[in-house]
Amino acid sequence: MSNQELILEQLRNVNYDKLSKQDIVTMLDAGEQTLENMAASRKTAIDIIAEAMNQTKNTLEALDYSGKVEVEIRKNLSILRELLMTGDLYSPRLGELAQEVGLGLGEPTEFGKNRTLRFSDQS
């Protein structure tokens, strides 16, 4: 089993409610590394996800890990996990998760060929 497959298998079995702050930081580091090693055909989406994971990790390290912050981080981790599991930026489940946390997913361009993922500003 490759490192990527091992990490994805571990993500399938994660209960985020029982993870410590350090466990989540370690998992995000591993996820970011895995994403960087994925195929070039997914490079744009992978870059977006890797950056989101890195920002989540940095936010987690900088914030007091309690209450509402913890809930939001867990929701975002669920979205990242769903995206890693399916590899589909436009899966129905991913759309549902994104709506829960206020992420805006891009629509196809006027030519219908390219799709983008946009994160809405949640200040």
PDB file of N, CA and C in Angstrom:
ATOM      1  N   MET A   1       0.855  -1.173   0.000  1.00  0.00           N
ATOM      2  CA  MET A   1       0.000   0.000   0.000  1.00  0.00           C
ATOM      3  C   MET A   1       0.904   1.241   0.000  1.00  0.00           C
ATOM      4  N   SER A   2       0.642   2.170  -0.903  1.00  0.00           N
ATOM      5  CA  SER A   2       1.448   3.389  -0.986  1.00  0.00           C
ATOM      6  C   SER A   2       1.134   4.307   0.199  1.00  0.00           C
ATOM      7  N   ASN A   3       2.006   5.286   0.416  1.00  0.00           N
ATOM      8  CA  ASN A   3       1.769   6.259   1.490  1.00  0.00           C
ATOM      9  C   ASN A   3       0.444   6.976   1.287  1.00  0.00           C
ATOM     10  N   GLN A   4       0.146   7.336   0.038  1.00  0.00           N
ATOM     11  CA  GLN A   4      -1.105   8.026  -0.271  1.00  0.00           C
ATOM     12  C   GLN A   4      -2.292   7.159   0.095  1.00  0.00           C
ATOM     13  N   GLU A   5      -2.266   5.892  -0.292  1.00  0.00           N
ATOM     14  CA  GLU A   5      -3.370   4.988   0.020  1.00  0.00           C
ATOM     15  C   GLU A   5      -3.506   4.786   1.524  1.00  0.00           C
ATOM     16  N   LEU A   6      -2.387   4.693   2.215  1.00  0.00           N
ATOM     17  CA  LEU A   6      -2.405   4.519   3.662  1.00  0.00           C
ATOM     18  C   LEU A   6      -3.030   5.728   4.350  1.00  0.00           C
ATOM     19  N   ILE A   7      -2.643   6.926   3.918  1.00  0.00           N
ATOM     20  CA  ILE A   7      -3.199   8.142   4.512  1.00  0.00           C
ATOM     21  C   ILE A   7      -4.689   8.252   4.227  1.00  0.00           C
ATOM     22  N   LEU A   8      -5.104   7.959   2.997  1.00  0.00           N
ATOM     23  CA  LEU A   8      -6.529   8.021   2.671  1.00  0.00           C
ATOM     24  C   LEU A   8      -7.320   6.997   3.479  1.00  0.00           C
ATOM     25  N   GLU A   9      -6.759   5.814   3.682  1.00  0.00           N
ATOM     26  CA  GLU A   9      -7.421   4.792   4.496  1.00  0.00           C
ATOM     27  C   GLU A   9      -7.569   5.278   5.934  1.00  0.00           C
ATOM     28  N   GLN A  10      -6.541   5.917   6.450  1.00  0.00           N
ATOM     29  CA  GLN A  10      -6.618   6.450   7.808  1.00  0.00           C
ATOM     30  C   GLN A  10      -7.669   7.554   7.903  1.00  0.00           C
ATOM     31  N   LEU A  11      -7.779   8.386   6.868  1.00  0.00           N
ATOM     32  CA  LEU A  11      -8.787   9.448   6.868  1.00  0.00           C
ATOM     33  C   LEU A  11     -10.202   8.887   6.901  1.00  0.00           C
ATOM     34  N   ARG A  12     -10.408   7.750   6.254  1.00  0.00           N
ATOM     35  CA  ARG A  12     -11.734   7.129   6.248  1.00  0.00           C
ATOM     36  C   ARG A  12     -12.186   6.766   7.662  1.00  0.00           C
ATOM     37  N   ASN A  13     -11.239   6.444   8.516  1.00  0.00           N
ATOM     38  CA  ASN A  13     -11.558   5.932   9.844  1.00  0.00           C
ATOM     39  C   ASN A  13     -11.404   6.963  10.956  1.00  0.00           C
ATOM     40  N   VAL A  14     -11.206   8.212  10.596  1.00  0.00           N
ATOM     41  CA  VAL A  14     -10.958   9.243  11.610  1.00  0.00           C
ATOM     42  C   VAL A  14     -12.260   9.663  12.281  1.00  0.00           C
ATOM     43  N   ASN A  15     -12.217   9.745  13.603  1.00  0.00           N
ATOM     44  CA  ASN A  15     -13.297  10.351  14.377  1.00  0.00           C
ATOM     45  C   ASN A  15     -12.750  11.684  14.877  1.00  0.00           C
ATOM     46  N   TYR A  16     -13.118  12.773  14.205  1.00  0.00           N
ATOM     47  CA  TYR A  16     -12.540  14.074  14.515  1.00  0.00           C
ATOM     48  C   TYR A  16     -12.847  14.533  15.941  1.00  0.00           C
ATOM     49  N   ASP A  17     -13.919  14.048  16.535  1.00  0.00           N
ATOM     50  CA  ASP A  17     -14.262  14.452  17.893  1.00  0.00           C
ATOM     51  C   ASP A  17     -13.234  13.988  18.914  1.00  0.00           C
ATOM     52  N   LYS A  18     -12.453  12.966  18.580  1.00  0.00           N
ATOM     53  CA  LYS A  18     -11.499  12.419  19.540  1.00  0.00           C
ATOM     54  C   LYS A  18     -10.059  12.828  19.249  1.00  0.00           C
ATOM     55  N   LEU A  19      -9.851  13.670  18.260  1.00  0.00           N
ATOM     56  CA  LEU A  19      -8.494  14.090  17.913  1.00  0.00           C
ATOM     57  C   LEU A  19      -8.038  15.264  18.770  1.00  0.00           C
ATOM     58  N   SER A  20      -6.779  15.255  19.126  1.00  0.00           N
ATOM     59  CA  SER A  20      -6.188  16.400  19.816  1.00  0.00           C
ATOM     60  C   SER A  20      -5.735  17.425  18.778  1.00  0.00           C
ATOM     61  N   LYS A  21      -5.380  18.607  19.252  1.00  0.00           N
ATOM     62  CA  LYS A  21      -4.878  19.647  18.353  1.00  0.00           C
ATOM     63  C   LYS A  21      -3.666  19.131  17.579  1.00  0.00           C
ATOM     64  N   GLN A  22      -2.723  18.496  18.265  1.00  0.00           N
ATOM     65  CA  GLN A  22      -1.511  18.011  17.604  1.00  0.00           C
ATOM     66  C   GLN A  22      -1.832  16.921  16.587  1.00  0.00           C
ATOM     67  N   ASP A  23      -2.810  16.053  16.897  1.00  0.00           N
ATOM     68  CA  ASP A  23      -3.212  15.016  15.943  1.00  0.00           C
ATOM     69  C   ASP A  23      -3.703  15.642  14.644  1.00  0.00           C
ATOM     70  N   ILE A  24      -4.511  16.692  14.765  1.00  0.00           N
ATOM     71  CA  ILE A  24      -5.058  17.349  13.573  1.00  0.00           C
ATOM     72  C   ILE A  24      -3.941  18.027  12.784  1.00  0.00           C
ATOM     73  N   VAL A  25      -3.024  18.707  13.475  1.00  0.00           N
ATOM     74  CA  VAL A  25      -1.899  19.360  12.794  1.00  0.00           C
ATOM     75  C   VAL A  25      -1.068  18.325  12.050  1.00  0.00           C
ATOM     76  N   THR A  26      -0.784  17.198  12.699  1.00  0.00           N
ATOM     77  CA  THR A  26      -0.009  16.126  12.064  1.00  0.00           C
ATOM     78  C   THR A  26      -0.743  15.572  10.851  1.00  0.00           C
ATOM     79  N   MET A  27      -2.059  15.363  10.987  1.00  0.00           N
ATOM     80  CA  MET A  27      -2.851  14.833   9.885  1.00  0.00           C
ATOM     81  C   MET A  27      -2.865  15.810   8.706  1.00  0.00           C
ATOM     82  N   LEU A  28      -2.981  17.109   9.000  1.00  0.00           N
ATOM     83  CA  LEU A  28      -2.974  18.104   7.931  1.00  0.00           C
ATOM     84  C   LEU A  28      -1.628  18.135   7.219  1.00  0.00           C
ATOM     85  N   ASP A  29      -0.547  18.011   7.978  1.00  0.00           N
ATOM     86  CA  ASP A  29       0.779  17.943   7.352  1.00  0.00           C
ATOM     87  C   ASP A  29       0.870  16.748   6.416  1.00  0.00           C
ATOM     88  N   ALA A  30       0.394  15.589   6.871  1.00  0.00           N
ATOM     89  CA  ALA A  30       0.433  14.377   6.048  1.00  0.00           C
ATOM     90  C   ALA A  30      -0.465  14.527   4.825  1.00  0.00           C
ATOM     91  N   GLY A  31      -1.639  15.122   5.014  1.00  0.00           N
ATOM     92  CA  GLY A  31      -2.552  15.333   3.896  1.00  0.00           C
ATOM     93  C   GLY A  31      -1.978  16.277   2.866  1.00  0.00           C
ATOM     94  N   GLU A  32      -1.343  17.329   3.342  1.00  0.00           N
ATOM     95  CA  GLU A  32      -0.719  18.291   2.426  1.00  0.00           C
ATOM     96  C   GLU A  32       0.378  17.613   1.608  1.00  0.00           C
ATOM     97  N   GLN A  33       1.200  16.802   2.271  1.00  0.00           N
ATOM     98  CA  GLN A  33       2.270  16.077   1.580  1.00  0.00           C
ATOM     99  C   GLN A  33       1.691  15.114   0.550  1.00  0.00           C
ATOM    100  N   THR A  34       0.622  14.408   0.908  1.00  0.00           N
ATOM    101  CA  THR A  34      -0.017  13.471  -0.019  1.00  0.00           C
ATOM    102  C   THR A  34      -0.555  14.206  -1.238  1.00  0.00           C
ATOM    103  N   LEU A  35      -1.212  15.330  -0.990  1.00  0.00           N
ATOM    104  CA  LEU A  35      -1.774  16.101  -2.095  1.00  0.00           C
ATOM    105  C   LEU A  35      -0.695  16.576  -3.059  1.00  0.00           C
ATOM    106  N   GLU A  36       0.446  16.952  -2.520  1.00  0.00           N
ATOM    107  CA  GLU A  36       1.535  17.424  -3.372  1.00  0.00           C
ATOM    108  C   GLU A  36       2.067  16.320  -4.278  1.00  0.00           C
ATOM    109  N   ASN A  37       1.847  15.070  -3.892  1.00  0.00           N
ATOM    110  CA  ASN A  37       2.354  13.940  -4.672  1.00  0.00           C
ATOM    111  C   ASN A  37       1.332  13.387  -5.670  1.00  0.00           C
ATOM    112  N   MET A  38       0.127  13.941  -5.732  1.00  0.00           N
ATOM    113  CA  MET A  38      -0.903  13.408  -6.629  1.00  0.00           C
ATOM    114  C   MET A  38      -0.628  13.794  -8.085  1.00  0.00           C
ATOM    115  N   ALA A  39      -1.384  13.192  -8.984  1.00  0.00           N
ATOM    116  CA  ALA A  39      -1.187  13.351 -10.427  1.00  0.00           C
ATOM    117  C   ALA A  39      -1.316  14.798 -10.894  1.00  0.00           C
ATOM    118  N   ALA A  40      -0.572  15.139 -11.945  1.00  0.00           N
ATOM    119  CA  ALA A  40      -0.558  16.498 -12.493  1.00  0.00           C
ATOM    120  C   ALA A  40      -1.917  16.904 -13.051  1.00  0.00           C
ATOM    121  N   SER A  41      -2.732  15.964 -13.474  1.00  0.00           N
ATOM    122  CA  SER A  41      -4.045  16.301 -14.034  1.00  0.00           C
ATOM    123  C   SER A  41      -4.956  16.940 -12.996  1.00  0.00           C
ATOM    124  N   ARG A  42      -4.654  16.728 -11.743  1.00  0.00           N
ATOM    125  CA  ARG A  42      -5.446  17.336 -10.678  1.00  0.00           C
ATOM    126  C   ARG A  42      -4.684  18.474 -10.006  1.00  0.00           C
ATOM    127  N   LYS A  43      -3.622  18.930 -10.614  1.00  0.00           N
ATOM    128  CA  LYS A  43      -2.708  19.876  -9.982  1.00  0.00           C
ATOM    129  C   LYS A  43      -3.409  21.130  -9.462  1.00  0.00           C
ATOM    130  N   THR A  44      -4.271  21.749 -10.251  1.00  0.00           N
ATOM    131  CA  THR A  44      -4.914  22.981  -9.809  1.00  0.00           C
ATOM    132  C   THR A  44      -5.775  22.746  -8.579  1.00  0.00           C
ATOM    133  N   ALA A  45      -6.628  21.738  -8.630  1.00  0.00           N
ATOM    134  CA  ALA A  45      -7.485  21.427  -7.481  1.00  0.00           C
ATOM    135  C   ALA A  45      -6.648  21.035  -6.277  1.00  0.00           C
ATOM    136  N   ILE A  46      -5.613  20.255  -6.507  1.00  0.00           N
ATOM    137  CA  ILE A  46      -4.757  19.808  -5.416  1.00  0.00           C
ATOM    138  C   ILE A  46      -4.061  21.001  -4.765  1.00  0.00           C
ATOM    139  N   ASP A  47      -3.590  21.946  -5.562  1.00  0.00           N
ATOM    140  CA  ASP A  47      -2.956  23.145  -5.004  1.00  0.00           C
ATOM    141  C   ASP A  47      -3.930  23.917  -4.117  1.00  0.00           C
ATOM    142  N   ILE A  48      -5.164  24.046  -4.573  1.00  0.00           N
ATOM    143  CA  ILE A  48      -6.180  24.758  -3.796  1.00  0.00           C
ATOM    144  C   ILE A  48      -6.427  24.048  -2.472  1.00  0.00           C
ATOM    145  N   ILE A  49      -6.570  22.735  -2.535  1.00  0.00           N
ATOM    146  CA  ILE A  49      -6.853  21.962  -1.322  1.00  0.00           C
ATOM    147  C   ILE A  49      -5.659  21.993  -0.376  1.00  0.00           C
ATOM    148  N   ALA A  50      -4.464  21.822  -0.915  1.00  0.00           N
ATOM    149  CA  ALA A  50      -3.263  21.846  -0.074  1.00  0.00           C
ATOM    150  C   ALA A  50      -3.140  23.188   0.638  1.00  0.00           C
ATOM    151  N   GLU A  51      -3.412  24.278  -0.073  1.00  0.00           N
ATOM    152  CA  GLU A  51      -3.349  25.599   0.544  1.00  0.00           C
ATOM    153  C   GLU A  51      -4.423  25.743   1.617  1.00  0.00           C
ATOM    154  N   ALA A  52      -5.629  25.234   1.349  1.00  0.00           N
ATOM    155  CA  ALA A  52      -6.695  25.285   2.357  1.00  0.00           C
ATOM    156  C   ALA A  52      -6.297  24.502   3.603  1.00  0.00           C
ATOM    157  N   MET A  53      -5.686  23.338   3.406  1.00  0.00           N
ATOM    158  CA  MET A  53      -5.238  22.537   4.546  1.00  0.00           C
ATOM    159  C   MET A  53      -4.140  23.276   5.314  1.00  0.00           C
ATOM    160  N   ASN A  54      -3.230  23.894   4.600  1.00  0.00           N
ATOM    161  CA  ASN A  54      -2.152  24.632   5.251  1.00  0.00           C
ATOM    162  C   ASN A  54      -2.704  25.821   6.033  1.00  0.00           C
ATOM    163  N   GLN A  55      -3.657  26.542   5.445  1.00  0.00           N
ATOM    164  CA  GLN A  55      -4.261  27.673   6.142  1.00  0.00           C
ATOM    165  C   GLN A  55      -5.027  27.210   7.376  1.00  0.00           C
ATOM    166  N   THR A  56      -5.736  26.086   7.260  1.00  0.00           N
ATOM    167  CA  THR A  56      -6.460  25.544   8.407  1.00  0.00           C
ATOM    168  C   THR A  56      -5.491  25.182   9.521  1.00  0.00           C
ATOM    169  N   LYS A  57      -4.391  24.541   9.153  1.00  0.00           N
ATOM    170  CA  LYS A  57      -3.375  24.167  10.141  1.00  0.00           C
ATOM    171  C   LYS A  57      -2.811  25.412  10.818  1.00  0.00           C
ATOM    172  N   ASN A  58      -2.467  26.432  10.027  1.00  0.00           N
ATOM    173  CA  ASN A  58      -1.912  27.663  10.591  1.00  0.00           C
ATOM    174  C   ASN A  58      -2.916  28.361  11.501  1.00  0.00           C
ATOM    175  N   THR A  59      -4.186  28.372  11.085  1.00  0.00           N
ATOM    176  CA  THR A  59      -5.235  28.970  11.908  1.00  0.00           C
ATOM    177  C   THR A  59      -5.371  28.214  13.218  1.00  0.00           C
ATOM    178  N   LEU A  60      -5.379  26.911  13.136  1.00  0.00           N
ATOM    179  CA  LEU A  60      -5.510  26.080  14.329  1.00  0.00           C
ATOM    180  C   LEU A  60      -4.368  26.338  15.301  1.00  0.00           C
ATOM    181  N   GLU A  61      -3.163  26.451  14.780  1.00  0.00           N
ATOM    182  CA  GLU A  61      -2.006  26.690  15.643  1.00  0.00           C
ATOM    183  C   GLU A  61      -2.064  28.071  16.291  1.00  0.00           C
ATOM    184  N   ALA A  62      -2.690  29.037  15.619  1.00  0.00           N
ATOM    185  CA  ALA A  62      -2.712  30.412  16.106  1.00  0.00           C
ATOM    186  C   ALA A  62      -3.883  30.712  17.043  1.00  0.00           C
ATOM    187  N   LEU A  63      -4.940  29.911  16.978  1.00  0.00           N
ATOM    188  CA  LEU A  63      -6.153  30.208  17.742  1.00  0.00           C
ATOM    189  C   LEU A  63      -6.267  29.354  18.993  1.00  0.00           C
ATOM    190  N   ASP A  64      -7.052  29.859  19.921  1.00  0.00           N
ATOM    191  CA  ASP A  64      -7.417  29.054  21.077  1.00  0.00           C
ATOM    192  C   ASP A  64      -8.344  27.957  20.569  1.00  0.00           C
ATOM    193  N   TYR A  65      -7.965  26.717  20.791  1.00  0.00           N
ATOM    194  CA  TYR A  65      -8.668  25.563  20.227  1.00  0.00           C
ATOM    195  C   TYR A  65      -9.857  25.199  21.102  1.00  0.00           C
ATOM    196  N   SER A  66     -10.956  25.959  20.970  1.00  0.00           N
ATOM    197  CA  SER A  66     -12.133  25.667  21.776  1.00  0.00           C
ATOM    198  C   SER A  66     -13.384  26.220  21.109  1.00  0.00           C
ATOM    199  N   GLY A  67     -14.529  25.744  21.580  1.00  0.00           N
ATOM    200  CA  GLY A  67     -15.823  26.281  21.186  1.00  0.00           C
ATOM    201  C   GLY A  67     -16.088  26.332  19.700  1.00  0.00           C
ATOM    202  N   LYS A  68     -16.545  27.506  19.234  1.00  0.00           N
ATOM    203  CA  LYS A  68     -16.955  27.680  17.846  1.00  0.00           C
ATOM    204  C   LYS A  68     -15.808  27.454  16.874  1.00  0.00           C
ATOM    205  N   VAL A  69     -14.607  27.880  17.233  1.00  0.00           N
ATOM    206  CA  VAL A  69     -13.448  27.682  16.361  1.00  0.00           C
ATOM    207  C   VAL A  69     -13.264  26.197  16.081  1.00  0.00           C
ATOM    208  N   GLU A  70     -13.373  25.389  17.122  1.00  0.00           N
ATOM    209  CA  GLU A  70     -13.215  23.944  16.972  1.00  0.00           C
ATOM    210  C   GLU A  70     -14.278  23.376  16.035  1.00  0.00           C
ATOM    211  N   VAL A  71     -15.518  23.805  16.182  1.00  0.00           N
ATOM    212  CA  VAL A  71     -16.609  23.321  15.328  1.00  0.00           C
ATOM    213  C   VAL A  71     -16.337  23.667  13.871  1.00  0.00           C
ATOM    214  N   GLU A  72     -15.920  24.900  13.603  1.00  0.00           N
ATOM    215  CA  GLU A  72     -15.647  25.321  12.231  1.00  0.00           C
ATOM    216  C   GLU A  72     -14.484  24.543  11.627  1.00  0.00           C
ATOM    217  N   ILE A  73     -13.447  24.326  12.410  1.00  0.00           N
ATOM    218  CA  ILE A  73     -12.304  23.565  11.907  1.00  0.00           C
ATOM    219  C   ILE A  73     -12.725  22.145  11.562  1.00  0.00           C
ATOM    220  N   ARG A  74     -13.532  21.523  12.400  1.00  0.00           N
ATOM    221  CA  ARG A  74     -13.983  20.150  12.141  1.00  0.00           C
ATOM    222  C   ARG A  74     -14.848  20.086  10.874  1.00  0.00           C
ATOM    223  N   LYS A  75     -15.696  21.099  10.657  1.00  0.00           N
ATOM    224  CA  LYS A  75     -16.503  21.130   9.432  1.00  0.00           C
ATOM    225  C   LYS A  75     -15.603  21.235   8.203  1.00  0.00           C
ATOM    226  N   ASN A  76     -14.604  22.112   8.275  1.00  0.00           N
ATOM    227  CA  ASN A  76     -13.691  22.268   7.143  1.00  0.00           C
ATOM    228  C   ASN A  76     -12.896  20.998   6.894  1.00  0.00           C
ATOM    229  N   LEU A  77     -12.501  20.309   7.951  1.00  0.00           N
ATOM    230  CA  LEU A  77     -11.799  19.037   7.784  1.00  0.00           C
ATOM    231  C   LEU A  77     -12.695  18.004   7.118  1.00  0.00           C
ATOM    232  N   SER A  78     -13.989  18.031   7.430  1.00  0.00           N
ATOM    233  CA  SER A  78     -14.923  17.107   6.780  1.00  0.00           C
ATOM    234  C   SER A  78     -14.989  17.358   5.279  1.00  0.00           C
ATOM    235  N   ILE A  79     -14.978  18.632   4.894  1.00  0.00           N
ATOM    236  CA  ILE A  79     -14.992  18.977   3.470  1.00  0.00           C
ATOM    237  C   ILE A  79     -13.721  18.487   2.798  1.00  0.00           C
ATOM    238  N   LEU A  80     -12.586  18.747   3.414  1.00  0.00           N
ATOM    239  CA  LEU A  80     -11.318  18.306   2.831  1.00  0.00           C
ATOM    240  C   LEU A  80     -11.261  16.791   2.727  1.00  0.00           C
ATOM    241  N   ARG A  81     -11.752  16.103   3.743  1.00  0.00           N
ATOM    242  CA  ARG A  81     -11.747  14.643   3.704  1.00  0.00           C
ATOM    243  C   ARG A  81     -12.642  14.143   2.564  1.00  0.00           C
ATOM    244  N   GLU A  82     -13.829  14.718   2.414  1.00  0.00           N
ATOM    245  CA  GLU A  82     -14.740  14.308   1.337  1.00  0.00           C
ATOM    246  C   GLU A  82     -14.093  14.528  -0.023  1.00  0.00           C
ATOM    247  N   LEU A  83     -13.416  15.637  -0.185  1.00  0.00           N
ATOM    248  CA  LEU A  83     -12.758  15.931  -1.451  1.00  0.00           C
ATOM    249  C   LEU A  83     -11.616  14.960  -1.715  1.00  0.00           C
ATOM    250  N   LEU A  84     -10.857  14.639  -0.686  1.00  0.00           N
ATOM    251  CA  LEU A  84      -9.784  13.655  -0.849  1.00  0.00           C
ATOM    252  C   LEU A  84     -10.341  12.285  -1.209  1.00  0.00           C
ATOM    253  N   MET A  85     -11.459  11.918  -0.598  1.00  0.00           N
ATOM    254  CA  MET A  85     -12.030  10.591  -0.814  1.00  0.00           C
ATOM    255  C   MET A  85     -12.604  10.456  -2.228  1.00  0.00           C
ATOM    256  N   THR A  86     -13.276  11.497  -2.710  1.00  0.00           N
ATOM    257  CA  THR A  86     -13.959  11.390  -3.998  1.00  0.00           C
ATOM    258  C   THR A  86     -13.122  11.910  -5.157  1.00  0.00           C
ATOM    259  N   GLY A  87     -12.266  12.882  -4.901  1.00  0.00           N
ATOM    260  CA  GLY A  87     -11.512  13.516  -5.971  1.00  0.00           C
ATOM    261  C   GLY A  87     -12.398  14.328  -6.899  1.00  0.00           C
ATOM    262  N   ASP A  88     -13.651  14.559  -6.496  1.00  0.00           N
ATOM    263  CA  ASP A  88     -14.623  15.242  -7.348  1.00  0.00           C
ATOM    264  C   ASP A  88     -15.017  16.569  -6.714  1.00  0.00           C
ATOM    265  N   LEU A  89     -14.579  17.665  -7.334  1.00  0.00           N
ATOM    266  CA  LEU A  89     -14.898  18.988  -6.804  1.00  0.00           C
ATOM    267  C   LEU A  89     -16.392  19.283  -6.815  1.00  0.00           C
ATOM    268  N   TYR A  90     -17.148  18.548  -7.591  1.00  0.00           N
ATOM    269  CA  TYR A  90     -18.563  18.854  -7.762  1.00  0.00           C
ATOM    270  C   TYR A  90     -19.471  17.721  -7.313  1.00  0.00           C
ATOM    271  N   SER A  91     -19.019  16.900  -6.373  1.00  0.00           N
ATOM    272  CA  SER A  91     -19.875  15.831  -5.866  1.00  0.00           C
ATOM    273  C   SER A  91     -21.006  16.454  -5.045  1.00  0.00           C
ATOM    274  N   PRO A  92     -22.194  15.841  -5.053  1.00  0.00           N
ATOM    275  CA  PRO A  92     -23.319  16.391  -4.287  1.00  0.00           C
ATOM    276  C   PRO A  92     -23.004  16.522  -2.792  1.00  0.00           C
ATOM    277  N   ARG A  93     -22.337  15.537  -2.228  1.00  0.00           N
ATOM    278  CA  ARG A  93     -22.012  15.573  -0.795  1.00  0.00           C
ATOM    279  C   ARG A  93     -21.066  16.735  -0.491  1.00  0.00           C
ATOM    280  N   LEU A  94     -20.097  16.964  -1.355  1.00  0.00           N
ATOM    281  CA  LEU A  94     -19.168  18.072  -1.151  1.00  0.00           C
ATOM    282  C   LEU A  94     -19.925  19.398  -1.199  1.00  0.00           C
ATOM    283  N   GLY A  95     -20.870  19.510  -2.117  1.00  0.00           N
ATOM    284  CA  GLY A  95     -21.690  20.716  -2.199  1.00  0.00           C
ATOM    285  C   GLY A  95     -22.478  20.969  -0.923  1.00  0.00           C
ATOM    286  N   GLU A  96     -23.041  19.896  -0.346  1.00  0.00           N
ATOM    287  CA  GLU A  96     -23.783  20.023   0.908  1.00  0.00           C
ATOM    288  C   GLU A  96     -22.871  20.493   2.036  1.00  0.00           C
ATOM    289  N   LEU A  97     -21.700  19.871   2.136  1.00  0.00           N
ATOM    290  CA  LEU A  97     -20.753  20.260   3.185  1.00  0.00           C
ATOM    291  C   LEU A  97     -20.301  21.701   3.003  1.00  0.00           C
ATOM    292  N   ALA A  98     -20.044  22.099   1.756  1.00  0.00           N
ATOM    293  CA  ALA A  98     -19.592  23.459   1.479  1.00  0.00           C
ATOM    294  C   ALA A  98     -20.656  24.481   1.872  1.00  0.00           C
ATOM    295  N   GLN A  99     -21.924  24.165   1.605  1.00  0.00           N
ATOM    296  CA  GLN A  99     -22.997  25.081   1.974  1.00  0.00           C
ATOM    297  C   GLN A  99     -23.085  25.252   3.485  1.00  0.00           C
ATOM    298  N   GLU A 100     -22.833  24.173   4.226  1.00  0.00           N
ATOM    299  CA  GLU A 100     -22.889  24.242   5.689  1.00  0.00           C
ATOM    300  C   GLU A 100     -21.908  25.262   6.252  1.00  0.00           C
ATOM    301  N   VAL A 101     -20.751  25.399   5.628  1.00  0.00           N
ATOM    302  CA  VAL A 101     -19.736  26.321   6.145  1.00  0.00           C
ATOM    303  C   VAL A 101     -19.586  27.581   5.304  1.00  0.00           C
ATOM    304  N   GLY A 102     -20.438  27.760   4.305  1.00  0.00           N
ATOM    305  CA  GLY A 102     -20.431  28.988   3.521  1.00  0.00           C
ATOM    306  C   GLY A 102     -19.356  29.086   2.472  1.00  0.00           C
ATOM    307  N   LEU A 103     -18.878  27.949   1.964  1.00  0.00           N
ATOM    308  CA  LEU A 103     -17.911  27.987   0.868  1.00  0.00           C
ATOM    309  C   LEU A 103     -18.670  28.083  -0.445  1.00  0.00           C
ATOM    310  N   GLY A 104     -18.173  28.889  -1.377  1.00  0.00           N
ATOM    311  CA  GLY A 104     -18.788  28.984  -2.693  1.00  0.00           C
ATOM    312  C   GLY A 104     -18.014  28.151  -3.685  1.00  0.00           C
ATOM    313  N   LEU A 105     -18.658  27.192  -4.321  1.00  0.00           N
ATOM    314  CA  LEU A 105     -17.994  26.396  -5.349  1.00  0.00           C
ATOM    315  C   LEU A 105     -18.264  27.027  -6.701  1.00  0.00           C
ATOM    316  N   GLY A 106     -17.237  27.170  -7.499  1.00  0.00           N
ATOM    317  CA  GLY A 106     -17.360  27.806  -8.808  1.00  0.00           C
ATOM    318  C   GLY A 106     -18.206  27.003  -9.772  1.00  0.00           C
ATOM    319  N   GLU A 107     -18.722  27.675 -10.762  1.00  0.00           N
ATOM    320  CA  GLU A 107     -19.493  27.043 -11.827  1.00  0.00           C
ATOM    321  C   GLU A 107     -18.612  26.909 -13.059  1.00  0.00           C
ATOM    322  N   PRO A 108     -19.018  26.085 -14.038  1.00  0.00           N
ATOM    323  CA  PRO A 108     -18.226  25.983 -15.268  1.00  0.00           C
ATOM    324  C   PRO A 108     -18.133  27.344 -15.955  1.00  0.00           C
ATOM    325  N   THR A 109     -17.056  27.560 -16.687  1.00  0.00           N
ATOM    326  CA  THR A 109     -16.925  28.800 -17.447  1.00  0.00           C
ATOM    327  C   THR A 109     -17.956  28.803 -18.563  1.00  0.00           C
ATOM    328  N   GLU A 110     -18.028  29.923 -19.287  1.00  0.00           N
ATOM    329  CA  GLU A 110     -19.008  30.009 -20.372  1.00  0.00           C
ATOM    330  C   GLU A 110     -18.791  28.932 -21.424  1.00  0.00           C
ATOM    331  N   PHE A 111     -17.586  28.424 -21.531  1.00  0.00           N
ATOM    332  CA  PHE A 111     -17.313  27.366 -22.498  1.00  0.00           C
ATOM    333  C   PHE A 111     -17.568  25.986 -21.912  1.00  0.00           C
ATOM    334  N   GLY A 112     -17.832  25.929 -20.596  1.00  0.00           N
ATOM    335  CA  GLY A 112     -18.173  24.665 -19.960  1.00  0.00           C
ATOM    336  C   GLY A 112     -17.015  23.696 -19.806  1.00  0.00           C
ATOM    337  N   LYS A 113     -15.787  24.168 -19.991  1.00  0.00           N
ATOM    338  CA  LYS A 113     -14.654  23.247 -19.942  1.00  0.00           C
ATOM    339  C   LYS A 113     -13.910  23.313 -18.619  1.00  0.00           C
ATOM    340  N   ASN A 114     -13.755  24.489 -18.097  1.00  0.00           N
ATOM    341  CA  ASN A 114     -12.944  24.657 -16.890  1.00  0.00           C
ATOM    342  C   ASN A 114     -13.843  24.937 -15.694  1.00  0.00           C
ATOM    343  N   ARG A 115     -13.479  24.354 -14.587  1.00  0.00           N
ATOM    344  CA  ARG A 115     -14.200  24.629 -13.353  1.00  0.00           C
ATOM    345  C   ARG A 115     -13.196  25.130 -12.333  1.00  0.00           C
ATOM    346  N   THR A 116     -13.676  26.001 -11.461  1.00  0.00           N
ATOM    347  CA  THR A 116     -12.796  26.519 -10.424  1.00  0.00           C
ATOM    348  C   THR A 116     -13.472  26.361  -9.077  1.00  0.00           C
ATOM    349  N   LEU A 117     -12.676  26.320  -8.049  1.00  0.00           N
ATOM    350  CA  LEU A 117     -13.177  26.268  -6.690  1.00  0.00           C
ATOM    351  C   LEU A 117     -12.834  27.594  -6.041  1.00  0.00           C
ATOM    352  N   ARG A 118     -13.847  28.297  -5.555  1.00  0.00           N
ATOM    353  CA  ARG A 118     -13.620  29.590  -4.919  1.00  0.00           C
ATOM    354  C   ARG A 118     -14.077  29.513  -3.473  1.00  0.00           C
ATOM    355  N   PHE A 119     -13.274  30.041  -2.591  1.00  0.00           N
ATOM    356  CA  PHE A 119     -13.651  30.114  -1.190  1.00  0.00           C
ATOM    357  C   PHE A 119     -14.188  31.513  -0.945  1.00  0.00           C
ATOM    358  N   SER A 120     -15.410  31.610  -0.424  1.00  0.00           N
ATOM    359  CA  SER A 120     -15.982  32.922  -0.169  1.00  0.00           C
ATOM    360  C   SER A 120     -15.335  33.526   1.067  1.00  0.00           C
ATOM    361  N   ASP A 121     -15.309  34.839   1.122  1.00  0.00           N
ATOM    362  CA  ASP A 121     -14.700  35.545   2.241  1.00  0.00           C
ATOM    363  C   ASP A 121     -15.651  35.491   3.422  1.00  0.00           C
ATOM    364  N   GLN A 122     -15.235  34.846   4.473  1.00  0.00           N
ATOM    365  CA  GLN A 122     -16.071  34.665   5.660  1.00  0.00           C
ATOM    366  C   GLN A 122     -15.527  35.476   6.832  1.00  0.00           C
ATOM    367  N   SER A 123     -15.466  36.780   6.721  1.00  0.00           N
ATOM    368  CA  SER A 123     -14.906  37.613   7.795  1.00  0.00           C
ATOM    369  C   SER A 123     -15.927  37.867   8.861  1.00  0.00           C
TER     370      SER A 123
END
